[in-house]
Amino acid sequence: MIVRRTILKQDLVKKLYPDSISMKSAMQQLRNEIDICPALKQQIEQAGNTKRHYYNKQQLLLILEHFCITLEEFEQL
């Protein structure tokens, strides 16, 4: 399995929140989830820039770990 170096935030929320009404609400759900956990937010910020339209591989792994999802499970979503 080849893991890309970056993943678009929109692609991530499509997989994490498939029942969301819109892309905007799914992005808001992810932001809320990250804001609730200050340790996760700090780890994501330390792993790379958060002001872009994508997460890097390390940030993705941190988010998936928070949601208790393995990389293999994420690929199958």
Protein backbone atom coordinates (compact mmCIF):
# COMPACT_ATOMS: atom_id res chain seq x y z
CA MET A 1 0.00 0.00 0.00
CA ILE A 2 1.38 3.37 -1.01
CA VAL A 3 0.45 6.32 1.20
CA ARG A 4 0.51 9.73 -0.41
CA ARG A 5 2.58 12.48 1.21
CA THR A 6 -0.45 14.77 1.51
CA ILE A 7 -4.22 14.43 1.58
CA LEU A 8 -6.71 17.17 0.86
CA LYS A 9 -8.77 18.15 3.86
CA GLN A 10 -11.92 17.79 1.74
CA ASP A 11 -11.03 14.19 0.84
CA LEU A 12 -10.42 13.42 4.50
CA VAL A 13 -13.78 14.76 5.70
CA LYS A 14 -15.61 12.95 2.87
CA LYS A 15 -14.36 9.69 4.33
CA LEU A 16 -14.70 10.59 8.01
CA TYR A 17 -18.17 12.16 7.75
CA PRO A 18 -19.96 10.51 4.79
CA ASP A 19 -23.45 11.40 6.11
CA SER A 20 -22.74 15.10 6.43
CA ILE A 21 -25.12 17.48 4.70
CA SER A 22 -22.41 19.48 2.97
CA MET A 23 -18.66 19.76 2.67
CA LYS A 24 -18.74 22.91 4.80
CA SER A 25 -20.51 21.19 7.68
CA ALA A 26 -18.15 18.21 7.48
CA MET A 27 -15.15 20.55 7.68
CA GLN A 28 -16.74 22.25 10.69
CA GLN A 29 -17.23 18.88 12.41
CA LEU A 30 -13.55 18.05 11.93
CA ARG A 31 -12.48 21.47 13.23
CA ASN A 32 -14.71 21.04 16.28
CA GLU A 33 -13.31 17.58 16.96
CA ILE A 34 -9.75 18.91 16.77
CA ASP A 35 -10.55 21.96 18.94
CA ILE A 36 -12.07 19.77 21.66
CA CYS A 37 -8.75 18.00 22.19
CA PRO A 38 -5.99 20.58 22.83
CA ALA A 39 -3.26 17.91 22.83
CA LEU A 40 -4.29 16.75 19.35
CA LYS A 41 -4.45 20.32 18.10
CA GLN A 42 -0.95 21.01 19.37
CA GLN A 43 0.45 17.81 17.86
CA ILE A 44 -1.08 18.65 14.47
CA GLU A 45 0.37 22.16 14.58
CA GLN A 46 3.81 20.80 15.47
CA ALA A 47 3.65 18.28 12.62
CA GLY A 48 3.26 20.97 9.95
CA ASN A 49 1.42 23.97 8.63
CA THR A 50 -2.35 23.86 9.22
CA LYS A 51 -3.26 26.86 7.08
CA ARG A 52 -3.15 24.92 3.82
CA HIS A 53 -5.84 22.93 1.98
CA TYR A 54 -4.19 19.64 2.89
CA TYR A 55 -2.72 17.64 5.76
CA ASN A 56 0.65 15.96 5.51
CA LYS A 57 1.10 12.26 6.22
CA GLN A 58 2.11 12.79 9.86
CA GLN A 59 -0.90 15.01 10.54
CA LEU A 60 -3.19 12.46 8.89
CA LEU A 61 -1.83 9.67 11.08
CA LEU A 62 -2.42 11.79 14.21
CA ILE A 63 -6.04 12.47 13.22
CA LEU A 64 -6.70 8.82 12.37
CA GLU A 65 -5.18 7.75 15.68
CA HIS A 66 -7.54 10.15 17.47
CA PHE A 67 -10.51 8.56 15.71
CA CYS A 68 -9.11 5.03 16.41
CA ILE A 69 -8.88 4.28 12.68
CA THR A 70 -5.95 2.42 11.18
CA LEU A 71 -4.47 3.47 7.87
CA GLU A 72 -5.78 0.29 6.24
CA GLU A 73 -9.33 1.01 7.47
CA PHE A 74 -9.05 4.58 6.21
CA GLU A 75 -8.05 3.39 2.73
CA GLN A 76 -11.15 1.17 2.63
CA LEU A 77 -13.54 4.00 3.53
